[in-house]
mmCIF file of all heavy atoms, coordinates in Angstrom:
data_MODEL
# 
_entry.id   MODEL 
# 
loop_
_atom_site.group_PDB 
_atom_site.id 
_atom_site.type_symbol 
_atom_site.label_atom_id 
_atom_site.label_alt_id 
_atom_site.label_comp_id 
_atom_site.label_asym_id 
_atom_site.label_entity_id 
_atom_site.label_seq_id 
_atom_site.pdbx_PDB_ins_code 
_atom_site.Cartn_x 
_atom_site.Cartn_y 
_atom_site.Cartn_z 
_atom_site.occupancy 
_atom_site.B_iso_or_equiv 
_atom_site.pdbx_formal_charge 
_atom_site.auth_seq_id 
_atom_site.auth_comp_id 
_atom_site.auth_asym_id 
_atom_site.auth_atom_id 
_atom_site.pdbx_PDB_model_num 
ATOM 1   N N   . LEU A 1 1  ? 92.628  54.022 88.243  1.00 0.00 ? 1  LEU A N   1 
ATOM 2   C CA  . LEU A 1 1  ? 93.956  53.749 87.682  1.00 0.00 ? 1  LEU A CA  1 
ATOM 3   C C   . LEU A 1 1  ? 94.858  53.054 88.702  1.00 0.00 ? 1  LEU A C   1 
ATOM 4   O O   . LEU A 1 1  ? 94.655  53.214 89.909  1.00 0.00 ? 1  LEU A O   1 
ATOM 5   C CB  . LEU A 1 1  ? 94.605  55.060 87.217  1.00 0.00 ? 1  LEU A CB  1 
ATOM 6   C CG  . LEU A 1 1  ? 93.852  55.821 86.118  1.00 0.00 ? 1  LEU A CG  1 
ATOM 7   C CD1 . LEU A 1 1  ? 94.514  57.161 85.859  1.00 0.00 ? 1  LEU A CD1 1 
ATOM 8   C CD2 . LEU A 1 1  ? 93.793  54.991 84.835  1.00 0.00 ? 1  LEU A CD2 1 
ATOM 9   N N   . PRO A 1 2  ? 95.861  52.300 88.258  1.00 0.00 ? 2  PRO A N   1 
ATOM 10  C CA  . PRO A 1 2  ? 96.759  51.636 89.203  1.00 0.00 ? 2  PRO A CA  1 
ATOM 11  C C   . PRO A 1 2  ? 97.630  52.662 89.946  1.00 0.00 ? 2  PRO A C   1 
ATOM 12  O O   . PRO A 1 2  ? 98.344  53.446 89.317  1.00 0.00 ? 2  PRO A O   1 
ATOM 13  C CB  . PRO A 1 2  ? 97.621  50.739 88.299  1.00 0.00 ? 2  PRO A CB  1 
ATOM 14  C CG  . PRO A 1 2  ? 96.909  50.670 86.989  1.00 0.00 ? 2  PRO A CG  1 
ATOM 15  C CD  . PRO A 1 2  ? 96.161  51.949 86.849  1.00 0.00 ? 2  PRO A CD  1 
ATOM 16  N N   . VAL A 1 3  ? 97.582  52.627 91.248  1.00 0.00 ? 3  VAL A N   1 
ATOM 17  C CA  . VAL A 1 3  ? 98.386  53.545 92.053  1.00 0.00 ? 3  VAL A CA  1 
ATOM 18  C C   . VAL A 1 3  ? 99.882  53.274 91.830  1.00 0.00 ? 3  VAL A C   1 
ATOM 19  O O   . VAL A 1 3  ? 100.692 54.194 91.805  1.00 0.00 ? 3  VAL A O   1 
ATOM 20  C CB  . VAL A 1 3  ? 98.015  53.422 93.545  1.00 0.00 ? 3  VAL A CB  1 
ATOM 21  C CG1 . VAL A 1 3  ? 98.896  54.336 94.410  1.00 0.00 ? 3  VAL A CG1 1 
ATOM 22  C CG2 . VAL A 1 3  ? 96.542  53.769 93.757  1.00 0.00 ? 3  VAL A CG2 1 
ATOM 23  N N   . ILE A 1 4  ? 100.224 52.012 91.636  1.00 0.00 ? 4  ILE A N   1 
ATOM 24  C CA  . ILE A 1 4  ? 101.635 51.655 91.469  1.00 0.00 ? 4  ILE A CA  1 
ATOM 25  C C   . ILE A 1 4  ? 102.235 52.307 90.219  1.00 0.00 ? 4  ILE A C   1 
ATOM 26  O O   . ILE A 1 4  ? 103.428 52.642 90.188  1.00 0.00 ? 4  ILE A O   1 
ATOM 27  C CB  . ILE A 1 4  ? 101.816 50.110 91.406  1.00 0.00 ? 4  ILE A CB  1 
ATOM 28  C CG1 . ILE A 1 4  ? 103.301 49.730 91.502  1.00 0.00 ? 4  ILE A CG1 1 
ATOM 29  C CG2 . ILE A 1 4  ? 101.176 49.536 90.160  1.00 0.00 ? 4  ILE A CG2 1 
ATOM 30  C CD1 . ILE A 1 4  ? 103.944 50.061 92.807  1.00 0.00 ? 4  ILE A CD1 1 
ATOM 31  N N   . ARG A 1 5  ? 101.419 52.535 89.185  1.00 0.00 ? 5  ARG A N   1 
ATOM 32  C CA  . ARG A 1 5  ? 101.921 53.178 87.972  1.00 0.00 ? 5  ARG A CA  1 
ATOM 33  C C   . ARG A 1 5  ? 102.252 54.642 88.234  1.00 0.00 ? 5  ARG A C   1 
ATOM 34  O O   . ARG A 1 5  ? 103.159 55.203 87.608  1.00 0.00 ? 5  ARG A O   1 
ATOM 35  C CB  . ARG A 1 5  ? 100.887 53.061 86.839  1.00 0.00 ? 5  ARG A CB  1 
ATOM 36  C CG  . ARG A 1 5  ? 100.561 51.633 86.438  1.00 0.00 ? 5  ARG A CG  1 
ATOM 37  C CD  . ARG A 1 5  ? 101.700 50.976 85.666  1.00 0.00 ? 5  ARG A CD  1 
ATOM 38  N NE  . ARG A 1 5  ? 101.951 51.646 84.409  1.00 0.00 ? 5  ARG A NE  1 
ATOM 39  C CZ  . ARG A 1 5  ? 101.286 51.446 83.278  1.00 0.00 ? 5  ARG A CZ  1 
ATOM 40  N NH1 . ARG A 1 5  ? 100.272 50.558 83.266  1.00 0.00 ? 5  ARG A NH1 1 
ATOM 41  N NH2 . ARG A 1 5  ? 101.606 52.069 82.170  1.00 0.00 ? 5  ARG A NH2 1 
ATOM 42  N N   . CYS A 1 6  ? 101.537 55.264 89.147  1.00 0.00 ? 6  CYS A N   1 
ATOM 43  C CA  . CYS A 1 6  ? 101.870 56.629 89.561  1.00 0.00 ? 6  CYS A CA  1 
ATOM 44  C C   . CYS A 1 6  ? 103.137 56.607 90.422  1.00 0.00 ? 6  CYS A C   1 
ATOM 45  O O   . CYS A 1 6  ? 104.021 57.459 90.285  1.00 0.00 ? 6  CYS A O   1 
ATOM 46  C CB  . CYS A 1 6  ? 100.722 57.257 90.357  1.00 0.00 ? 6  CYS A CB  1 
ATOM 47  S SG  . CYS A 1 6  ? 99.201  57.494 89.425  1.00 0.00 ? 6  CYS A SG  1 
ATOM 48  N N   . ALA A 1 7  ? 103.209 55.601 91.319  1.00 0.00 ? 7  ALA A N   1 
ATOM 49  C CA  . ALA A 1 7  ? 104.339 55.510 92.247  1.00 0.00 ? 7  ALA A CA  1 
ATOM 50  C C   . ALA A 1 7  ? 105.654 55.303 91.510  1.00 0.00 ? 7  ALA A C   1 
ATOM 51  O O   . ALA A 1 7  ? 106.682 55.905 91.856  1.00 0.00 ? 7  ALA A O   1 
ATOM 52  C CB  . ALA A 1 7  ? 104.107 54.385 93.249  1.00 0.00 ? 7  ALA A CB  1 
ATOM 53  N N   . THR A 1 8  ? 105.640 54.462 90.484  1.00 0.00 ? 8  THR A N   1 
ATOM 54  C CA  . THR A 1 8  ? 106.887 54.149 89.786  1.00 0.00 ? 8  THR A CA  1 
ATOM 55  C C   . THR A 1 8  ? 107.322 55.266 88.834  1.00 0.00 ? 8  THR A C   1 
ATOM 56  O O   . THR A 1 8  ? 108.392 55.185 88.233  1.00 0.00 ? 8  THR A O   1 
ATOM 57  C CB  . THR A 1 8  ? 106.761 52.827 89.013  1.00 0.00 ? 8  THR A CB  1 
ATOM 58  O OG1 . THR A 1 8  ? 105.591 52.881 88.174  1.00 0.00 ? 8  THR A OG1 1 
ATOM 59  C CG2 . THR A 1 8  ? 106.651 51.651 89.962  1.00 0.00 ? 8  THR A CG2 1 
ATOM 60  N N   . ALA A 1 9  ? 106.502 56.290 88.704  1.00 0.00 ? 9  ALA A N   1 
ATOM 61  C CA  . ALA A 1 9  ? 106.926 57.469 87.945  1.00 0.00 ? 9  ALA A CA  1 
ATOM 62  C C   . ALA A 1 9  ? 107.854 58.338 88.794  1.00 0.00 ? 9  ALA A C   1 
ATOM 63  O O   . ALA A 1 9  ? 108.416 59.313 88.306  1.00 0.00 ? 9  ALA A O   1 
ATOM 64  C CB  . ALA A 1 9  ? 105.713 58.274 87.491  1.00 0.00 ? 9  ALA A CB  1 
ATOM 65  N N   . THR A 1 10 ? 108.005 57.973 90.071  1.00 0.00 ? 10 THR A N   1 
ATOM 66  C CA  . THR A 1 10 ? 108.859 58.718 90.994  1.00 0.00 ? 10 THR A CA  1 
ATOM 67  C C   . THR A 1 10 ? 110.063 57.858 91.380  1.00 0.00 ? 10 THR A C   1 
ATOM 68  O O   . THR A 1 10 ? 110.094 56.654 91.114  1.00 0.00 ? 10 THR A O   1 
ATOM 69  C CB  . THR A 1 10 ? 108.104 59.096 92.279  1.00 0.00 ? 10 THR A CB  1 
ATOM 70  O OG1 . THR A 1 10 ? 107.969 57.923 93.110  1.00 0.00 ? 10 THR A OG1 1 
ATOM 71  C CG2 . THR A 1 10 ? 106.725 59.651 91.982  1.00 0.00 ? 10 THR A CG2 1 
ATOM 72  N N   . GLY A 1 11 ? 111.002 58.473 92.058  1.00 0.00 ? 11 GLY A N   1 
ATOM 73  C CA  . GLY A 1 11 ? 112.129 57.729 92.622  1.00 0.00 ? 11 GLY A CA  1 
ATOM 74  C C   . GLY A 1 11 ? 111.897 57.368 94.059  1.00 0.00 ? 11 GLY A C   1 
ATOM 75  O O   . GLY A 1 11 ? 112.791 56.882 94.753  1.00 0.00 ? 11 GLY A O   1 
ATOM 76  N N   . ARG A 1 12 ? 110.654 57.596 94.534  1.00 0.00 ? 12 ARG A N   1 
ATOM 77  C CA  . ARG A 1 12 ? 110.307 57.308 95.937  1.00 0.00 ? 12 ARG A CA  1 
ATOM 78  C C   . ARG A 1 12 ? 108.956 56.580 96.023  1.00 0.00 ? 12 ARG A C   1 
ATOM 79  O O   . ARG A 1 12 ? 108.024 57.053 96.681  1.00 0.00 ? 12 ARG A O   1 
ATOM 80  C CB  . ARG A 1 12 ? 110.247 58.612 96.721  1.00 0.00 ? 12 ARG A CB  1 
ATOM 81  C CG  . ARG A 1 12 ? 109.299 59.638 96.114  1.00 0.00 ? 12 ARG A CG  1 
ATOM 82  C CD  . ARG A 1 12 ? 109.104 60.845 97.006  1.00 0.00 ? 12 ARG A CD  1 
ATOM 83  N NE  . ARG A 1 12 ? 109.911 61.974 96.553  1.00 0.00 ? 12 ARG A NE  1 
ATOM 84  C CZ  . ARG A 1 12 ? 109.952 63.136 97.193  1.00 0.00 ? 12 ARG A CZ  1 
ATOM 85  N NH1 . ARG A 1 12 ? 109.254 63.326 98.277  1.00 0.00 ? 12 ARG A NH1 1 
ATOM 86  N NH2 . ARG A 1 12 ? 110.705 64.122 96.734  1.00 0.00 ? 12 ARG A NH2 1 
ATOM 87  N N   . PRO A 1 13 ? 108.794 55.435 95.382  1.00 0.00 ? 13 PRO A N   1 
ATOM 88  C CA  . PRO A 1 13 ? 107.498 54.748 95.380  1.00 0.00 ? 13 PRO A CA  1 
ATOM 89  C C   . PRO A 1 13 ? 107.003 54.371 96.774  1.00 0.00 ? 13 PRO A C   1 
ATOM 90  O O   . PRO A 1 13 ? 105.794 54.205 96.963  1.00 0.00 ? 13 PRO A O   1 
ATOM 91  C CB  . PRO A 1 13 ? 107.753 53.506 94.517  1.00 0.00 ? 13 PRO A CB  1 
ATOM 92  C CG  . PRO A 1 13 ? 109.242 53.307 94.568  1.00 0.00 ? 13 PRO A CG  1 
ATOM 93  C CD  . PRO A 1 13 ? 109.818 54.678 94.644  1.00 0.00 ? 13 PRO A CD  1 
ATOM 94  N N   . ARG A 1 14 ? 107.911 54.268 97.754  1.00 0.00 ? 14 ARG A N   1 
ATOM 95  C CA  . ARG A 1 14 ? 107.482 53.939 99.124  1.00 0.00 ? 14 ARG A CA  1 
ATOM 96  C C   . ARG A 1 14 ? 106.647 55.062 99.736  1.00 0.00 ? 14 ARG A C   1 
ATOM 97  O O   . ARG A 1 14 ? 105.881 54.838 100.669 1.00 0.00 ? 14 ARG A O   1 
ATOM 98  C CB  . ARG A 1 14 ? 108.703 53.693 100.011 1.00 0.00 ? 14 ARG A CB  1 
ATOM 99  C CG  . ARG A 1 14 ? 109.408 52.370 99.753  1.00 0.00 ? 14 ARG A CG  1 
ATOM 100 C CD  . ARG A 1 14 ? 110.706 52.261 100.529 1.00 0.00 ? 14 ARG A CD  1 
ATOM 101 N NE  . ARG A 1 14 ? 110.513 52.476 101.960 1.00 0.00 ? 14 ARG A NE  1 
ATOM 102 C CZ  . ARG A 1 14 ? 110.065 51.564 102.821 1.00 0.00 ? 14 ARG A CZ  1 
ATOM 103 N NH1 . ARG A 1 14 ? 109.767 50.349 102.378 1.00 0.00 ? 14 ARG A NH1 1 
ATOM 104 N NH2 . ARG A 1 14 ? 109.941 51.839 104.096 1.00 0.00 ? 14 ARG A NH2 1 
ATOM 105 N N   . ASP A 1 15 ? 106.786 56.284 99.186  1.00 0.00 ? 15 ASP A N   1 
ATOM 106 C CA  . ASP A 1 15 ? 106.073 57.443 99.741  1.00 0.00 ? 15 ASP A CA  1 
ATOM 107 C C   . ASP A 1 15 ? 104.736 57.704 99.047  1.00 0.00 ? 15 ASP A C   1 
ATOM 108 O O   . ASP A 1 15 ? 104.050 58.672 99.375  1.00 0.00 ? 15 ASP A O   1 
ATOM 109 C CB  . ASP A 1 15 ? 106.936 58.711 99.621  1.00 0.00 ? 15 ASP A CB  1 
ATOM 110 C CG  . ASP A 1 15 ? 108.190 58.649 100.488 1.00 0.00 ? 15 ASP A CG  1 
ATOM 111 O OD1 . ASP A 1 15 ? 108.196 57.856 101.442 1.00 0.00 ? 15 ASP A OD1 1 
ATOM 112 O OD2 . ASP A 1 15 ? 109.153 59.379 100.189 1.00 0.00 ? 15 ASP A OD2 1 
ATOM 113 N N   . VAL A 1 16 ? 104.358 56.852 98.100  1.00 0.00 ? 16 VAL A N   1 
ATOM 114 C CA  . VAL A 1 16 ? 103.147 57.086 97.305  1.00 0.00 ? 16 VAL A CA  1 
ATOM 115 C C   . VAL A 1 16 ? 102.026 56.158 97.768  1.00 0.00 ? 16 VAL A C   1 
ATOM 116 O O   . VAL A 1 16 ? 102.232 54.962 97.988  1.00 0.00 ? 16 VAL A O   1 
ATOM 117 C CB  . VAL A 1 16 ? 103.431 56.881 95.804  1.00 0.00 ? 16 VAL A CB  1 
ATOM 118 C CG1 . VAL A 1 16 ? 102.151 57.097 94.986  1.00 0.00 ? 16 VAL A CG1 1 
ATOM 119 C CG2 . VAL A 1 16 ? 104.526 57.840 95.340  1.00 0.00 ? 16 VAL A CG2 1 
ATOM 120 N N   . VAL A 1 17 ? 100.828 56.733 97.882  1.00 0.00 ? 17 VAL A N   1 
ATOM 121 C CA  . VAL A 1 17 ? 99.666  55.999 98.384  1.00 0.00 ? 17 VAL A CA  1 
ATOM 122 C C   . VAL A 1 17 ? 98.421  56.527 97.684  1.00 0.00 ? 17 VAL A C   1 
ATOM 123 O O   . VAL A 1 17 ? 98.425  57.636 97.136  1.00 0.00 ? 17 VAL A O   1 
ATOM 124 C CB  . VAL A 1 17 ? 99.552  56.188 99.930  1.00 0.00 ? 17 VAL A CB  1 
ATOM 125 C CG1 . VAL A 1 17 ? 99.196  57.624 100.282 1.00 0.00 ? 17 VAL A CG1 1 
ATOM 126 C CG2 . VAL A 1 17 ? 98.570  55.203 100.546 1.00 0.00 ? 17 VAL A CG2 1 
ATOM 127 N N   . GLY A 1 18 ? 97.363  55.731 97.665  1.00 0.00 ? 18 GLY A N   1 
ATOM 128 C CA  . GLY A 1 18 ? 96.088  56.185 97.118  1.00 0.00 ? 18 GLY A CA  1 
ATOM 129 C C   . GLY A 1 18 ? 95.184  56.707 98.218  1.00 0.00 ? 18 GLY A C   1 
ATOM 130 O O   . GLY A 1 18 ? 95.113  56.115 99.307  1.00 0.00 ? 18 GLY A O   1 
ATOM 131 N N   . MET A 1 19 ? 94.523  57.830 97.965  1.00 0.00 ? 19 MET A N   1 
ATOM 132 C CA  . MET A 1 19 ? 93.501  58.373 98.874  1.00 0.00 ? 19 MET A CA  1 
ATOM 133 C C   . MET A 1 19 ? 92.274  58.679 98.021  1.00 0.00 ? 19 MET A C   1 
ATOM 134 O O   . MET A 1 19 ? 92.160  59.761 97.454  1.00 0.00 ? 19 MET A O   1 
ATOM 135 C CB  . MET A 1 19 ? 93.980  59.642 99.580  1.00 0.00 ? 19 MET A CB  1 
ATOM 136 C CG  . MET A 1 19 ? 94.975  59.430 100.681 1.00 0.00 ? 19 MET A CG  1 
ATOM 137 S SD  . MET A 1 19 ? 95.335  60.997 101.574 1.00 0.00 ? 19 MET A SD  1 
ATOM 138 C CE  . MET A 1 19 ? 93.860  61.172 102.595 1.00 0.00 ? 19 MET A CE  1 
ATOM 139 N N   . HIS A 1 20 ? 91.388  57.699 97.898  1.00 0.00 ? 20 HIS A N   1 
ATOM 140 C CA  . HIS A 1 20 ? 90.226  57.859 97.033  1.00 0.00 ? 20 HIS A CA  1 
ATOM 141 C C   . HIS A 1 20 ? 89.072  58.463 97.826  1.00 0.00 ? 20 HIS A C   1 
ATOM 142 O O   . HIS A 1 20 ? 88.359  57.780 98.554  1.00 0.00 ? 20 HIS A O   1 
ATOM 143 C CB  . HIS A 1 20 ? 89.812  56.512 96.434  1.00 0.00 ? 20 HIS A CB  1 
ATOM 144 C CG  . HIS A 1 20 ? 88.611  56.605 95.541  1.00 0.00 ? 20 HIS A CG  1 
ATOM 145 N ND1 . HIS A 1 20 ? 87.715  55.576 95.393  1.00 0.00 ? 20 HIS A ND1 1 
ATOM 146 C CD2 . HIS A 1 20 ? 88.151  57.626 94.760  1.00 0.00 ? 20 HIS A CD2 1 
ATOM 147 C CE1 . HIS A 1 20 ? 86.758  55.951 94.573  1.00 0.00 ? 20 HIS A CE1 1 
ATOM 148 N NE2 . HIS A 1 20 ? 87.002  57.183 94.174  1.00 0.00 ? 20 HIS A NE2 1 
ATOM 149 N N   . PHE A 1 21 ? 88.899  59.788 97.686  1.00 0.00 ? 21 PHE A N   1 
ATOM 150 C CA  . PHE A 1 21 ? 87.752  60.475 98.274  1.00 0.00 ? 21 PHE A CA  1 
ATOM 151 C C   . PHE A 1 21 ? 86.532  60.248 97.388  1.00 0.00 ? 21 PHE A C   1 
ATOM 152 O O   . PHE A 1 21 ? 86.646  59.969 96.193  1.00 0.00 ? 21 PHE A O   1 
ATOM 153 C CB  . PHE A 1 21 ? 88.023  61.982 98.364  1.00 0.00 ? 21 PHE A CB  1 
ATOM 154 C CG  . PHE A 1 21 ? 88.977  62.387 99.457  1.00 0.00 ? 21 PHE A CG  1 
ATOM 155 C CD1 . PHE A 1 21 ? 90.349  62.216 99.297  1.00 0.00 ? 21 PHE A CD1 1 
ATOM 156 C CD2 . PHE A 1 21 ? 88.510  62.954 100.637 1.00 0.00 ? 21 PHE A CD2 1 
ATOM 157 C CE1 . PHE A 1 21 ? 91.241  62.594 100.289 1.00 0.00 ? 21 PHE A CE1 1 
ATOM 158 C CE2 . PHE A 1 21 ? 89.398  63.339 101.632 1.00 0.00 ? 21 PHE A CE2 1 
ATOM 159 C CZ  . PHE A 1 21 ? 90.760  63.168 101.472 1.00 0.00 ? 21 PHE A CZ  1 
ATOM 160 N N   . PHE A 1 22 ? 85.358  60.395 97.971  1.00 0.00 ? 22 PHE A N   1 
ATOM 161 C CA  . PHE A 1 22 ? 84.117  60.251 97.213  1.00 0.00 ? 22 PHE A CA  1 
ATOM 162 C C   . PHE A 1 22 ? 83.463  61.626 97.067  1.00 0.00 ? 22 PHE A C   1 
ATOM 163 O O   . PHE A 1 22 ? 83.627  62.490 97.916  1.00 0.00 ? 22 PHE A O   1 
ATOM 164 C CB  . PHE A 1 22 ? 83.182  59.247 97.904  1.00 0.00 ? 22 PHE A CB  1 
ATOM 165 C CG  . PHE A 1 22 ? 83.654  57.831 97.723  1.00 0.00 ? 22 PHE A CG  1 
ATOM 166 C CD1 . PHE A 1 22 ? 84.784  57.363 98.392  1.00 0.00 ? 22 PHE A CD1 1 
ATOM 167 C CD2 . PHE A 1 22 ? 83.008  56.969 96.854  1.00 0.00 ? 22 PHE A CD2 1 
ATOM 168 C CE1 . PHE A 1 22 ? 85.252  56.076 98.208  1.00 0.00 ? 22 PHE A CE1 1 
ATOM 169 C CE2 . PHE A 1 22 ? 83.465  55.674 96.667  1.00 0.00 ? 22 PHE A CE2 1 
ATOM 170 C CZ  . PHE A 1 22 ? 84.584  55.226 97.334  1.00 0.00 ? 22 PHE A CZ  1 
ATOM 171 N N   . ASN A 1 23 ? 82.734  61.788 95.996  1.00 0.00 ? 23 ASN A N   1 
ATOM 172 C CA  . ASN A 1 23 ? 82.178  63.094 95.638  1.00 0.00 ? 23 ASN A CA  1 
ATOM 173 C C   . ASN A 1 23 ? 80.750  63.269 96.159  1.00 0.00 ? 23 ASN A C   1 
ATOM 174 O O   . ASN A 1 23 ? 79.949  62.355 95.989  1.00 0.00 ? 23 ASN A O   1 
ATOM 175 C CB  . ASN A 1 23 ? 82.191  63.220 94.105  1.00 0.00 ? 23 ASN A CB  1 
ATOM 176 C CG  . ASN A 1 23 ? 82.196  64.646 93.638  1.00 0.00 ? 23 ASN A CG  1 
ATOM 177 O OD1 . ASN A 1 23 ? 82.526  65.562 94.371  1.00 0.00 ? 23 ASN A OD1 1 
ATOM 178 N ND2 . ASN A 1 23 ? 81.801  64.850 92.404  1.00 0.00 ? 23 ASN A ND2 1 
ATOM 179 N N   . PRO A 1 24 ? 80.452  64.414 96.813  1.00 0.00 ? 24 PRO A N   1 
ATOM 180 C CA  . PRO A 1 24 ? 81.305  65.571 97.105  1.00 0.00 ? 24 PRO A CA  1 
ATOM 181 C C   . PRO A 1 24 ? 82.164  65.317 98.354  1.00 0.00 ? 24 PRO A C   1 
ATOM 182 O O   . PRO A 1 24 ? 81.641  64.860 99.384  1.00 0.00 ? 24 PRO A O   1 
ATOM 183 C CB  . PRO A 1 24 ? 80.298  66.701 97.347  1.00 0.00 ? 24 PRO A CB  1 
ATOM 184 C CG  . PRO A 1 24 ? 79.062  66.003 97.823  1.00 0.00 ? 24 PRO A CG  1 
ATOM 185 C CD  . PRO A 1 24 ? 79.038  64.660 97.158  1.00 0.00 ? 24 PRO A CD  1 
# 
């Protein structure tokens, strides 16, 4: 999913980042 769409759901998009871990 677009990380920016998660970020703009907040009032602090500068503090939002993606951390894609791999399983396990």
